[in-house]
Amino acid sequence: MKRRTVIAALAAASVLGLSACGSGSPSSPGGGTSTAGAGSSELTKVSVGVIPIVDCAPIYLGDKQGFFKDEGLQLDIQTATGGAAIVPGVVSGSFDFAFSNLISVMVAKDKGLDLKFVANGASTTGEKGKDIGGVVVPAGSPIKAPKDLAGKTVSVNNLSNIGDTTIKSIIEKDGGDPASVKFVEVAFPDAPAALANKQVDAAWILEPFLSKAVSEGGTIVSSNFVEMSPELDIAGYFTKSDTIKGKADLTAKFTRAMNKSLEYAQEHPQEVRDIVGTYTKIDEATRAKMILPRYRVEFNKDAFKTLGDAAAKYGTLAKSPSAGDLLP
């Protein structure tokens, strides 16, 4: 497959939602590394593609706390409404680094694009019923466990990604038939209504929409991330291998600052809730109730292998990915 064709194909895919909802393009054109303008000529401008969701709070907090400036970097944070612009944006050079769920980068690697993570982004809380995502059913549903999803219609934000991959895995683990499930695409903001109107039998939903669905009478029958692995990393920051090799100093500085940002976010949950209100339209009352992801520096390679093997088993990938090829 030619490189241009690969990039075009990837533009049809998307990142996890709230690690990735829908598709979109950067909020501003351009990108790439350059020297910052007047008054800050000593800083190196770095473009980073993110999605305006809770998972990306650490980079905003780190920028506010001066962690990137301490490394001589000036962040140019560019938002996209979803994953359609994320991987192609890095490949084209519009972004120096970008945020994506693990499956999306696995798919890109599987298609021949040489990408690699440089820092973690967001991980499951590890607690059933108290995670950032879950499979929800309406009040009175006969579905009580993952195996009961067999033969039912289940919504996910994007097909052939981290949602349906993890759900298939936990259905099979519970003794059900994952091949009999009909997955349909419904954006997270629309999922509670689709569930209430019985357009689907169950919906996979992430925060803050998960809390909304539960408050309206829905019941969580599976915390699919946790049930796949309580140590599952969901997303991270990645770039081209050429950038890691050719701009090793820049990569090291970004990674150090990002790691400080992750640690700070984990230690200051209220500041996470507060800063989310500066780059999203999530109101204060909702931000106060939503479950936050776990922010940590190290990737869990065993959980990565579990996820990658499942993606290959269910046809999302042609083969299982190597942690050594994709993780720092």
C-alpha atoms as a PDB file:
ATOM      1  CA  MET A   1       0.000   0.000   0.000  1.00  0.00           C
ATOM      2  CA  LYS A   2       1.362   3.355  -0.971  1.00  0.00           C
ATOM      3  CA  ARG A   3       2.063   5.852   1.809  1.00  0.00           C
ATOM      4  CA  ARG A   4      -0.535   8.340   0.527  1.00  0.00           C
ATOM      5  CA  THR A   5      -3.166   5.602   0.449  1.00  0.00           C
ATOM      6  CA  VAL A   6      -2.273   4.534   3.979  1.00  0.00           C
ATOM      7  CA  ILE A   7      -2.673   8.087   5.292  1.00  0.00           C
ATOM      8  CA  ALA A   8      -6.009   8.447   3.535  1.00  0.00           C
ATOM      9  CA  ALA A   9      -7.194   5.160   5.018  1.00  0.00           C
ATOM     10  CA  LEU A  10      -6.196   6.217   8.469  1.00  0.00           C
ATOM     11  CA  ALA A  11      -8.138   9.445   8.076  1.00  0.00           C
ATOM     12  CA  ALA A  12     -11.270   7.306   8.142  1.00  0.00           C
ATOM     13  CA  ALA A  13     -10.337   5.785  11.490  1.00  0.00           C
ATOM     14  CA  SER A  14     -10.506   7.462  14.850  1.00  0.00           C
ATOM     15  CA  VAL A  15      -9.037   7.688  18.263  1.00  0.00           C
ATOM     16  CA  LEU A  16     -10.755   6.488  21.432  1.00  0.00           C
ATOM     17  CA  GLY A  17     -13.190   8.550  22.571  1.00  0.00           C
ATOM     18  CA  LEU A  18     -13.486  10.322  25.129  1.00  0.00           C
ATOM     19  CA  SER A  19     -10.253   9.207  23.995  1.00  0.00           C
ATOM     20  CA  ALA A  20     -11.742   9.862  20.677  1.00  0.00           C
ATOM     21  CA  CYS A  21     -15.161  10.873  19.509  1.00  0.00           C
ATOM     22  CA  GLY A  22     -16.017  11.193  15.828  1.00  0.00           C
ATOM     23  CA  SER A  23     -13.747  12.802  13.324  1.00  0.00           C
ATOM     24  CA  GLY A  24     -12.388  16.217  12.661  1.00  0.00           C
ATOM     25  CA  SER A  25      -9.444  18.380  11.765  1.00  0.00           C
ATOM     26  CA  PRO A  26      -7.001  20.561  13.669  1.00  0.00           C
ATOM     27  CA  SER A  27      -8.371  23.787  15.039  1.00  0.00           C
ATOM     28  CA  SER A  28      -5.595  25.739  13.387  1.00  0.00           C
ATOM     29  CA  PRO A  29      -3.438  25.069  10.338  1.00  0.00           C
ATOM     30  CA  GLY A  30       0.266  24.498  10.194  1.00  0.00           C
ATOM     31  CA  GLY A  31       2.401  22.887  12.845  1.00  0.00           C
ATOM     32  CA  GLY A  32       5.888  21.560  13.130  1.00  0.00           C
ATOM     33  CA  THR A  33       8.738  22.659  15.338  1.00  0.00           C
ATOM     34  CA  SER A  34       9.965  26.223  15.152  1.00  0.00           C
ATOM     35  CA  THR A  35      11.508  28.919  17.291  1.00  0.00           C
ATOM     36  CA  ALA A  36       8.896  30.857  19.256  1.00  0.00           C
ATOM     37  CA  GLY A  37       8.168  34.469  18.379  1.00  0.00           C
ATOM     38  CA  ALA A  38       9.184  37.762  19.923  1.00  0.00           C
ATOM     39  CA  GLY A  39       9.618  37.807  23.679  1.00  0.00           C
ATOM     40  CA  SER A  40      10.216  34.062  23.917  1.00  0.00           C
ATOM     41  CA  SER A  41      12.847  33.394  21.252  1.00  0.00           C
ATOM     42  CA  GLU A  42      14.687  31.054  23.603  1.00  0.00           C
ATOM     43  CA  LEU A  43      11.758  28.607  23.584  1.00  0.00           C
ATOM     44  CA  THR A  44      11.214  25.955  20.937  1.00  0.00           C
ATOM     45  CA  LYS A  45       7.652  25.825  19.678  1.00  0.00           C
ATOM     46  CA  VAL A  46       6.184  22.331  19.687  1.00  0.00           C
ATOM     47  CA  SER A  47       2.834  21.468  18.113  1.00  0.00           C
ATOM     48  CA  VAL A  48       0.762  18.820  19.877  1.00  0.00           C
ATOM     49  CA  GLY A  49      -2.505  17.392  18.595  1.00  0.00           C
ATOM     50  CA  VAL A  50      -5.040  16.588  21.315  1.00  0.00           C
ATOM     51  CA  ILE A  51      -8.752  16.006  21.743  1.00  0.00           C
ATOM     52  CA  PRO A  52     -10.648  18.332  24.121  1.00  0.00           C
ATOM     53  CA  ILE A  53     -11.514  15.624  26.633  1.00  0.00           C
ATOM     54  CA  VAL A  54     -10.757  14.762  30.259  1.00  0.00           C
ATOM     55  CA  ASP A  55      -7.929  12.394  29.292  1.00  0.00           C
ATOM     56  CA  CYS A  56      -5.855  15.290  27.960  1.00  0.00           C
ATOM     57  CA  ALA A  57      -6.043  17.407  31.125  1.00  0.00           C
ATOM     58  CA  PRO A  58      -2.419  16.659  32.153  1.00  0.00           C
ATOM     59  CA  ILE A  59      -0.878  18.452  29.169  1.00  0.00           C
ATOM     60  CA  TYR A  60      -2.952  21.569  29.883  1.00  0.00           C
ATOM     61  CA  LEU A  61      -2.016  21.403  33.561  1.00  0.00           C
ATOM     62  CA  GLY A  62       1.657  20.868  32.724  1.00  0.00           C
ATOM     63  CA  ASP A  63       1.593  23.854  30.409  1.00  0.00           C
ATOM     64  CA  LYS A  64      -0.010  25.980  33.132  1.00  0.00           C
ATOM     65  CA  GLN A  65       2.516  24.803  35.736  1.00  0.00           C
ATOM     66  CA  GLY A  66       5.454  25.667  33.458  1.00  0.00           C
ATOM     67  CA  PHE A  67       6.800  22.124  33.105  1.00  0.00           C
ATOM     68  CA  PHE A  68       7.254  22.506  29.341  1.00  0.00           C
ATOM     69  CA  LYS A  69       8.708  25.994  29.623  1.00  0.00           C
ATOM     70  CA  ASP A  70      11.229  24.617  32.120  1.00  0.00           C
ATOM     71  CA  GLU A  71      12.389  22.301  29.334  1.00  0.00           C
ATOM     72  CA  GLY A  72      12.673  25.190  26.873  1.00  0.00           C
ATOM     73  CA  LEU A  73       9.454  24.321  25.058  1.00  0.00           C
ATOM     74  CA  GLN A  74       6.484  26.441  24.072  1.00  0.00           C
ATOM     75  CA  LEU A  75       3.436  24.299  23.450  1.00  0.00           C
ATOM     76  CA  ASP A  76       1.158  24.924  20.507  1.00  0.00           C
ATOM     77  CA  ILE A  77      -1.783  22.760  21.546  1.00  0.00           C
ATOM     78  CA  GLN A  78      -4.048  22.111  18.574  1.00  0.00           C
ATOM     79  CA  THR A  79      -7.396  20.468  19.159  1.00  0.00           C
ATOM     80  CA  ALA A  80      -9.183  18.062  16.870  1.00  0.00           C
ATOM     81  CA  THR A  81     -12.729  16.836  17.372  1.00  0.00           C
ATOM     82  CA  GLY A  82     -11.580  13.273  16.899  1.00  0.00           C
ATOM     83  CA  GLY A  83      -9.056  10.888  15.535  1.00  0.00           C
ATOM     84  CA  ALA A  84      -9.380  11.488  11.804  1.00  0.00           C
ATOM     85  CA  ALA A  85      -6.745  14.223  11.956  1.00  0.00           C
ATOM     86  CA  ILE A  86      -4.512  12.792  14.679  1.00  0.00           C
ATOM     87  CA  VAL A  87      -2.417  10.067  13.036  1.00  0.00           C
ATOM     88  CA  PRO A  88      -2.272  11.732   9.587  1.00  0.00           C
ATOM     89  CA  GLY A  89      -1.398  14.996  11.348  1.00  0.00           C
ATOM     90  CA  VAL A  90       1.695  13.443  12.896  1.00  0.00           C
ATOM     91  CA  VAL A  91       2.643  11.646   9.685  1.00  0.00           C
ATOM     92  CA  SER A  92       2.362  14.843   7.637  1.00  0.00           C
ATOM     93  CA  GLY A  93       4.304  16.899  10.172  1.00  0.00           C
ATOM     94  CA  SER A  94       1.387  19.124  11.221  1.00  0.00           C
ATOM     95  CA  PHE A  95       1.887  17.807  14.755  1.00  0.00           C
ATOM     96  CA  ASP A  96       5.234  17.068  16.385  1.00  0.00           C
ATOM     97  CA  PHE A  97       3.451  14.876  18.921  1.00  0.00           C
ATOM     98  CA  ALA A  98      -0.163  13.837  19.413  1.00  0.00           C
ATOM     99  CA  PHE A  99      -2.558  12.015  21.724  1.00  0.00           C
ATOM    100  CA  SER A 100      -4.233   8.772  20.673  1.00  0.00           C
ATOM    101  CA  ASN A 101      -5.641   5.593  22.128  1.00  0.00           C
ATOM    102  CA  LEU A 102      -3.403   2.552  21.847  1.00  0.00           C
ATOM    103  CA  ILE A 103      -5.448   0.711  19.223  1.00  0.00           C
ATOM    104  CA  SER A 104      -5.350   3.594  16.741  1.00  0.00           C
ATOM    105  CA  VAL A 105      -1.555   3.702  16.833  1.00  0.00           C
ATOM    106  CA  MET A 106      -1.405  -0.101  16.690  1.00  0.00           C
ATOM    107  CA  VAL A 107      -3.524   0.052  13.517  1.00  0.00           C
ATOM    108  CA  ALA A 108      -1.247   2.712  12.003  1.00  0.00           C
ATOM    109  CA  LYS A 109       1.807   0.597  12.774  1.00  0.00           C
ATOM    110  CA  ASP A 110       0.050  -2.457  11.359  1.00  0.00           C
ATOM    111  CA  LYS A 111      -0.465  -0.527   8.115  1.00  0.00           C
ATOM    112  CA  GLY A 112       3.228   0.290   7.824  1.00  0.00           C
ATOM    113  CA  LEU A 113       3.506   3.714   9.459  1.00  0.00           C
ATOM    114  CA  ASP A 114       6.528   3.969  11.753  1.00  0.00           C
ATOM    115  CA  LEU A 115       5.049   5.517  14.882  1.00  0.00           C
ATOM    116  CA  LYS A 116       5.905   5.128  18.555  1.00  0.00           C
ATOM    117  CA  PHE A 117       4.624   6.326  21.918  1.00  0.00           C
ATOM    118  CA  VAL A 118       6.840   8.643  23.946  1.00  0.00           C
ATOM    119  CA  ALA A 119       4.628   9.131  27.017  1.00  0.00           C
ATOM    120  CA  ASN A 120       1.581   7.612  28.649  1.00  0.00           C
ATOM    121  CA  GLY A 121      -1.726   9.456  28.535  1.00  0.00           C
ATOM    122  CA  ALA A 122      -4.554   7.847  30.479  1.00  0.00           C
ATOM    123  CA  SER A 123      -5.224   4.479  32.106  1.00  0.00           C
ATOM    124  CA  THR A 124      -8.189   2.630  33.556  1.00  0.00           C
ATOM    125  CA  THR A 125      -8.910   3.251  37.234  1.00  0.00           C
ATOM    126  CA  GLY A 126      -8.780  -0.499  37.777  1.00  0.00           C
ATOM    127  CA  GLU A 127     -12.100  -0.435  39.670  1.00  0.00           C
ATOM    128  CA  LYS A 128     -15.202  -2.174  38.329  1.00  0.00           C
ATOM    129  CA  GLY A 129     -18.191   0.126  38.319  1.00  0.00           C
ATOM    130  CA  LYS A 130     -15.969   3.126  38.958  1.00  0.00           C
ATOM    131  CA  ASP A 131     -14.079   3.435  35.695  1.00  0.00           C
ATOM    132  CA  ILE A 132     -14.116   6.116  33.008  1.00  0.00           C
ATOM    133  CA  GLY A 133     -16.037   3.832  30.668  1.00  0.00           C
ATOM    134  CA  GLY A 134     -18.570   1.052  30.777  1.00  0.00           C
ATOM    135  CA  VAL A 135     -21.260  -0.889  28.945  1.00  0.00           C
ATOM    136  CA  VAL A 136     -24.660   0.429  30.036  1.00  0.00           C
ATOM    137  CA  VAL A 137     -28.136  -1.068  29.684  1.00  0.00           C
ATOM    138  CA  PRO A 138     -31.508   0.624  30.311  1.00  0.00           C
ATOM    139  CA  ALA A 139     -33.642   0.001  33.380  1.00  0.00           C
ATOM    140  CA  GLY A 140     -35.389  -3.364  33.271  1.00  0.00           C
ATOM    141  CA  SER A 141     -32.982  -4.877  30.745  1.00  0.00           C
ATOM    142  CA  PRO A 142     -32.543  -8.673  30.855  1.00  0.00           C
ATOM    143  CA  ILE A 143     -28.829  -8.132  30.215  1.00  0.00           C
ATOM    144  CA  LYS A 144     -27.072  -8.703  33.528  1.00  0.00           C
ATOM    145  CA  ALA A 145     -23.545  -9.762  32.526  1.00  0.00           C
ATOM    146  CA  PRO A 146     -21.149  -9.499  29.562  1.00  0.00           C
ATOM    147  CA  LYS A 147     -22.158 -12.921  28.183  1.00  0.00           C
ATOM    148  CA  ASP A 148     -25.753 -11.664  27.896  1.00  0.00           C
ATOM    149  CA  LEU A 149     -24.617  -9.166  25.252  1.00  0.00           C
ATOM    150  CA  ALA A 150     -24.338 -12.056  22.757  1.00  0.00           C
ATOM    151  CA  GLY A 151     -26.856 -11.581  19.968  1.00  0.00           C
ATOM    152  CA  LYS A 152     -27.600  -8.014  21.021  1.00  0.00           C
ATOM    153  CA  THR A 153     -26.995  -4.599  19.417  1.00  0.00           C
ATOM    154  CA  VAL A 154     -24.284  -2.627  21.207  1.00  0.00           C
ATOM    155  CA  SER A 155     -23.175   0.901  20.365  1.00  0.00           C
ATOM    156  CA  VAL A 156     -19.554   2.055  20.338  1.00  0.00           C
ATOM    157  CA  ASN A 157     -18.191   5.389  19.190  1.00  0.00           C
ATOM    158  CA  ASN A 158     -16.087   3.816  16.422  1.00  0.00           C
ATOM    159  CA  LEU A 159     -16.004   0.351  14.916  1.00  0.00           C
ATOM    160  CA  SER A 160     -12.821  -1.725  14.900  1.00  0.00           C
ATOM    161  CA  ASN A 161     -11.201   0.173  17.729  1.00  0.00           C
ATOM    162  CA  ILE A 162     -10.607  -0.081  21.457  1.00  0.00           C
ATOM    163  CA  GLY A 163     -14.304  -0.173  22.367  1.00  0.00           C
ATOM    164  CA  ASP A 164     -15.495  -3.213  20.432  1.00  0.00           C
ATOM    165  CA  THR A 165     -12.131  -4.972  20.869  1.00  0.00           C
ATOM    166  CA  THR A 166     -12.323  -4.875  24.663  1.00  0.00           C
ATOM    167  CA  ILE A 167     -16.043  -5.692  24.704  1.00  0.00           C
ATOM    168  CA  LYS A 168     -15.573  -8.767  22.494  1.00  0.00           C
ATOM    169  CA  SER A 169     -12.823  -9.927  24.800  1.00  0.00           C
ATOM    170  CA  ILE A 170     -14.857  -9.664  27.988  1.00  0.00           C
ATOM    171  CA  ILE A 171     -17.910 -11.300  26.366  1.00  0.00           C
ATOM    172  CA  GLU A 172     -15.821 -14.276  25.366  1.00  0.00           C
ATOM    173  CA  LYS A 173     -14.158 -14.376  28.800  1.00  0.00           C
ATOM    174  CA  ASP A 174     -17.634 -14.528  30.360  1.00  0.00           C
ATOM    175  CA  GLY A 175     -18.678 -17.438  28.159  1.00  0.00           C
ATOM    176  CA  GLY A 176     -20.603 -15.546  25.478  1.00  0.00           C
ATOM    177  CA  ASP A 177     -20.199 -15.452  21.699  1.00  0.00           C
ATOM    178  CA  PRO A 178     -18.560 -12.151  20.633  1.00  0.00           C
ATOM    179  CA  ALA A 179     -19.156 -12.887  16.946  1.00  0.00           C
ATOM    180  CA  SER A 180     -22.928 -12.705  17.464  1.00  0.00           C
ATOM    181  CA  VAL A 181     -22.883  -9.107  18.719  1.00  0.00           C
ATOM    182  CA  LYS A 182     -24.003  -6.389  16.313  1.00  0.00           C
ATOM    183  CA  PHE A 183     -21.883  -3.295  16.916  1.00  0.00           C
ATOM    184  CA  VAL A 184     -23.151   0.048  15.637  1.00  0.00           C
ATOM    185  CA  GLU A 185     -21.568   3.500  15.750  1.00  0.00           C
ATOM    186  CA  VAL A 186     -23.132   6.080  18.046  1.00  0.00           C
ATOM    187  CA  ALA A 187     -21.195   9.116  19.269  1.00  0.00           C
ATOM    188  CA  PHE A 188     -20.788   9.231  23.046  1.00  0.00           C
ATOM    189  CA  PRO A 189     -22.907  12.399  23.503  1.00  0.00           C
ATOM    190  CA  ASP A 190     -25.775  10.646  21.696  1.00  0.00           C
ATOM    191  CA  ALA A 191     -25.416   7.260  23.415  1.00  0.00           C
ATOM    192  CA  PRO A 192     -27.589   7.941  26.514  1.00  0.00           C
ATOM    193  CA  ALA A 193     -30.498   8.967  24.283  1.00  0.00           C
ATOM    194  CA  ALA A 194     -30.017   5.961  21.980  1.00  0.00           C
ATOM    195  CA  LEU A 195     -30.140   3.762  25.058  1.00  0.00           C
ATOM    196  CA  ALA A 196     -33.206   5.469  26.541  1.00  0.00           C
ATOM    197  CA  ASN A 197     -35.039   5.269  23.198  1.00  0.00           C
ATOM    198  CA  LYS A 198     -34.096   1.573  22.900  1.00  0.00           C
ATOM    199  CA  GLN A 199     -32.337   2.088  19.591  1.00  0.00           C
ATOM    200  CA  VAL A 200     -29.654  -0.200  21.008  1.00  0.00           C
ATOM    201  CA  ASP A 201     -29.725  -2.932  23.636  1.00  0.00           C
ATOM    202  CA  ALA A 202     -26.571  -1.645  25.307  1.00  0.00           C
ATOM    203  CA  ALA A 203     -24.191   1.253  24.867  1.00  0.00           C
ATOM    204  CA  TRP A 204     -20.504   1.619  25.553  1.00  0.00           C
ATOM    205  CA  ILE A 205     -20.110   5.093  27.043  1.00  0.00           C
ATOM    206  CA  LEU A 206     -17.238   7.121  28.472  1.00  0.00           C
ATOM    207  CA  GLU A 207     -17.263   9.968  30.979  1.00  0.00           C
ATOM    208  CA  PRO A 208     -18.867  12.432  31.398  1.00  0.00           C
ATOM    209  CA  PHE A 209     -21.677  10.842  29.380  1.00  0.00           C
ATOM    210  CA  LEU A 210     -21.415   7.616  31.391  1.00  0.00           C
ATOM    211  CA  SER A 211     -22.479   9.401  34.579  1.00  0.00           C
ATOM    212  CA  LYS A 212     -25.377  10.981  32.673  1.00  0.00           C
ATOM    213  CA  ALA A 213     -26.618   7.603  31.423  1.00  0.00           C
ATOM    214  CA  VAL A 214     -26.468   6.105  34.911  1.00  0.00           C
ATOM    215  CA  SER A 215     -28.255   9.119  36.455  1.00  0.00           C
ATOM    216  CA  GLU A 216     -31.058   8.559  33.939  1.00  0.00           C
ATOM    217  CA  GLY A 217     -31.602   4.991  35.132  1.00  0.00           C
ATOM    218  CA  GLY A 218     -28.990   3.045  33.203  1.00  0.00           C
ATOM    219  CA  THR A 219     -27.021   0.197  34.771  1.00  0.00           C
ATOM    220  CA  ILE A 220     -23.367  -0.622  34.122  1.00  0.00           C
ATOM    221  CA  VAL A 221     -23.101  -4.323  33.264  1.00  0.00           C
ATOM    222  CA  SER A 222     -19.429  -4.253  32.362  1.00  0.00           C
ATOM    223  CA  SER A 223     -16.419  -2.078  33.040  1.00  0.00           C
ATOM    224  CA  ASN A 224     -14.770  -3.437  29.903  1.00  0.00           C
ATOM    225  CA  PHE A 225     -11.359  -1.805  30.358  1.00  0.00           C
ATOM    226  CA  VAL A 226     -11.000  -3.120  33.900  1.00  0.00           C
ATOM    227  CA  GLU A 227     -12.288  -6.562  32.999  1.00  0.00           C
ATOM    228  CA  MET A 228      -9.785  -6.877  30.174  1.00  0.00           C
ATOM    229  CA  SER A 229      -7.008  -5.778  32.531  1.00  0.00           C
ATOM    230  CA  PRO A 230      -7.133  -3.634  35.692  1.00  0.00           C
ATOM    231  CA  GLU A 231      -3.778  -2.218  34.541  1.00  0.00           C
ATOM    232  CA  LEU A 232      -4.843  -1.329  30.991  1.00  0.00           C
ATOM    233  CA  ASP A 233      -3.374   1.832  29.531  1.00  0.00           C
ATOM    234  CA  ILE A 234      -5.894   3.436  27.208  1.00  0.00           C
ATOM    235  CA  ALA A 235      -4.012   6.194  25.403  1.00  0.00           C
ATOM    236  CA  GLY A 236      -0.719   8.032  25.143  1.00  0.00           C
ATOM    237  CA  TYR A 237       1.358  10.615  23.285  1.00  0.00           C
ATOM    238  CA  PHE A 238       3.158   9.448  20.157  1.00  0.00           C
ATOM    239  CA  THR A 239       5.240  10.643  17.234  1.00  0.00           C
ATOM    240  CA  LYS A 240       7.151   9.359  14.227  1.00  0.00           C
ATOM    241  CA  SER A 241      10.201   7.204  14.847  1.00  0.00           C
ATOM    242  CA  ASP A 242      12.081   9.670  12.624  1.00  0.00           C
ATOM    243  CA  THR A 243      11.329  12.407  15.145  1.00  0.00           C
ATOM    244  CA  ILE A 244      12.540  10.270  18.047  1.00  0.00           C
ATOM    245  CA  LYS A 245      15.805   9.545  16.224  1.00  0.00           C
ATOM    246  CA  GLY A 246      16.377  12.855  14.465  1.00  0.00           C
ATOM    247  CA  LYS A 247      15.170  15.104  17.271  1.00  0.00           C
ATOM    248  CA  ALA A 248      16.223  13.084  20.288  1.00  0.00           C
ATOM    249  CA  ASP A 249      16.762  16.124  22.513  1.00  0.00           C
ATOM    250  CA  LEU A 250      13.336  17.576  21.675  1.00  0.00           C
ATOM    251  CA  THR A 251      11.687  14.202  22.312  1.00  0.00           C
ATOM    252  CA  ALA A 252      13.451  13.798  25.651  1.00  0.00           C
ATOM    253  CA  LYS A 253      12.369  17.276  26.767  1.00  0.00           C
ATOM    254  CA  PHE A 254       8.758  16.694  25.752  1.00  0.00           C
ATOM    255  CA  THR A 255       8.684  13.312  27.471  1.00  0.00           C
ATOM    256  CA  ARG A 256      10.136  14.665  30.717  1.00  0.00           C
ATOM    257  CA  ALA A 257       7.630  17.514  30.816  1.00  0.00           C
ATOM    258  CA  MET A 258       4.746  15.207  29.919  1.00  0.00           C
ATOM    259  CA  ASN A 259       5.701  12.753  32.657  1.00  0.00           C
ATOM    260  CA  LYS A 260       5.787  15.573  35.219  1.00  0.00           C
ATOM    261  CA  SER A 261       2.371  16.644  33.963  1.00  0.00           C
ATOM    262  CA  LEU A 262       0.929  13.139  34.406  1.00  0.00           C
ATOM    263  CA  GLU A 263       2.246  12.886  37.947  1.00  0.00           C
ATOM    264  CA  TYR A 264       0.917  16.341  38.815  1.00  0.00           C
ATOM    265  CA  ALA A 265      -2.526  15.535  37.412  1.00  0.00           C
ATOM    266  CA  GLN A 266      -2.743  12.310  39.385  1.00  0.00           C
ATOM    267  CA  GLU A 267      -1.884  14.163  42.597  1.00  0.00           C
ATOM    268  CA  HIS A 268      -4.250  17.094  41.980  1.00  0.00           C
ATOM    269  CA  PRO A 269      -7.669  15.760  40.868  1.00  0.00           C
ATOM    270  CA  GLN A 270      -9.497  18.996  41.668  1.00  0.00           C
ATOM    271  CA  GLU A 271      -7.147  20.928  39.400  1.00  0.00           C
ATOM    272  CA  VAL A 272      -7.896  18.377  36.688  1.00  0.00           C
ATOM    273  CA  ARG A 273     -11.634  19.042  37.050  1.00  0.00           C
ATOM    274  CA  ASP A 274     -11.031  22.790  37.048  1.00  0.00           C
ATOM    275  CA  ILE A 275      -8.812  22.919  33.974  1.00  0.00           C
ATOM    276  CA  VAL A 276     -11.150  20.685  31.969  1.00  0.00           C
ATOM    277  CA  GLY A 277     -13.603  23.561  32.210  1.00  0.00           C
ATOM    278  CA  THR A 278     -11.156  25.832  30.368  1.00  0.00           C
ATOM    279  CA  TYR A 279     -10.989  23.780  27.176  1.00  0.00           C
ATOM    280  CA  THR A 280     -14.349  21.954  27.106  1.00  0.00           C
ATOM    281  CA  LYS A 281     -17.984  22.913  27.582  1.00  0.00           C
ATOM    282  CA  ILE A 282     -18.440  20.453  30.440  1.00  0.00           C
ATOM    283  CA  ASP A 283     -20.231  22.327  33.225  1.00  0.00           C
ATOM    284  CA  GLU A 284     -18.958  22.492  36.791  1.00  0.00           C
ATOM    285  CA  ALA A 285     -21.631  20.215  38.255  1.00  0.00           C
ATOM    286  CA  THR A 286     -20.818  17.457  35.769  1.00  0.00           C
ATOM    287  CA  ARG A 287     -17.070  17.906  36.230  1.00  0.00           C
ATOM    288  CA  ALA A 288     -17.507  17.509  39.974  1.00  0.00           C
ATOM    289  CA  LYS A 289     -19.182  14.082  39.557  1.00  0.00           C
ATOM    290  CA  MET A 290     -17.280  12.520  36.674  1.00  0.00           C
ATOM    291  CA  ILE A 291     -14.814   9.708  37.252  1.00  0.00           C
ATOM    292  CA  LEU A 292     -11.269  10.606  36.267  1.00  0.00           C
ATOM    293  CA  PRO A 293      -8.816   8.261  34.550  1.00  0.00           C
ATOM    294  CA  ARG A 294      -5.630   7.203  36.276  1.00  0.00           C
ATOM    295  CA  TYR A 295      -2.638   9.234  35.108  1.00  0.00           C
ATOM    296  CA  ARG A 296       0.719   7.477  35.351  1.00  0.00           C
ATOM    297  CA  VAL A 297       4.105   7.517  33.691  1.00  0.00           C
ATOM    298  CA  GLU A 298       4.875   3.847  33.054  1.00  0.00           C
ATOM    299  CA  PHE A 299       3.051   1.741  30.482  1.00  0.00           C
ATOM    300  CA  ASN A 300       1.999  -1.752  31.567  1.00  0.00           C
ATOM    301  CA  LYS A 301       3.453  -4.053  28.923  1.00  0.00           C
ATOM    302  CA  ASP A 302       1.449  -7.117  29.977  1.00  0.00           C
ATOM    303  CA  ALA A 303      -1.816  -5.204  29.579  1.00  0.00           C
ATOM    304  CA  PHE A 304      -0.565  -3.829  26.243  1.00  0.00           C
ATOM    305  CA  LYS A 305       0.019  -7.397  25.042  1.00  0.00           C
ATOM    306  CA  THR A 306      -3.439  -8.471  26.188  1.00  0.00           C
ATOM    307  CA  LEU A 307      -5.017  -5.622  24.219  1.00  0.00           C
ATOM    308  CA  GLY A 308      -2.857  -6.155  21.123  1.00  0.00           C
ATOM    309  CA  ASP A 309      -3.490  -9.903  21.065  1.00  0.00           C
ATOM    310  CA  ALA A 310      -7.244  -9.305  21.311  1.00  0.00           C
ATOM    311  CA  ALA A 311      -7.133  -6.769  18.461  1.00  0.00           C
ATOM    312  CA  ALA A 312      -5.360  -9.338  16.276  1.00  0.00           C
ATOM    313  CA  LYS A 313      -7.705 -12.134  17.336  1.00  0.00           C
ATOM    314  CA  TYR A 314     -10.824 -10.178  16.401  1.00  0.00           C
ATOM    315  CA  GLY A 315      -9.438  -8.846  13.109  1.00  0.00           C
ATOM    316  CA  THR A 316      -8.718  -5.223  13.993  1.00  0.00           C
ATOM    317  CA  LEU A 317      -5.016  -5.931  13.359  1.00  0.00           C
ATOM    318  CA  ALA A 318      -3.340  -8.310  10.926  1.00  0.00           C
ATOM    319  CA  LYS A 319      -0.977  -9.473  13.657  1.00  0.00           C
ATOM    320  CA  SER A 320      -0.224  -8.885  17.321  1.00  0.00           C
ATOM    321  CA  PRO A 321       1.932  -5.811  17.873  1.00  0.00           C
ATOM    322  CA  SER A 322       5.253  -5.787  19.694  1.00  0.00           C
ATOM    323  CA  ALA A 323       5.427  -3.664  22.840  1.00  0.00           C
ATOM    324  CA  GLY A 324       9.076  -3.035  22.078  1.00  0.00           C
ATOM    325  CA  ASP A 325       8.173  -1.485  18.721  1.00  0.00           C
ATOM    326  CA  LEU A 326       5.511   0.860  20.061  1.00  0.00           C
ATOM    327  CA  LEU A 327       6.226   1.657  23.702  1.00  0.00           C
ATOM    328  CA  PRO A 328       9.097   3.807  25.017  1.00  0.00           C
END
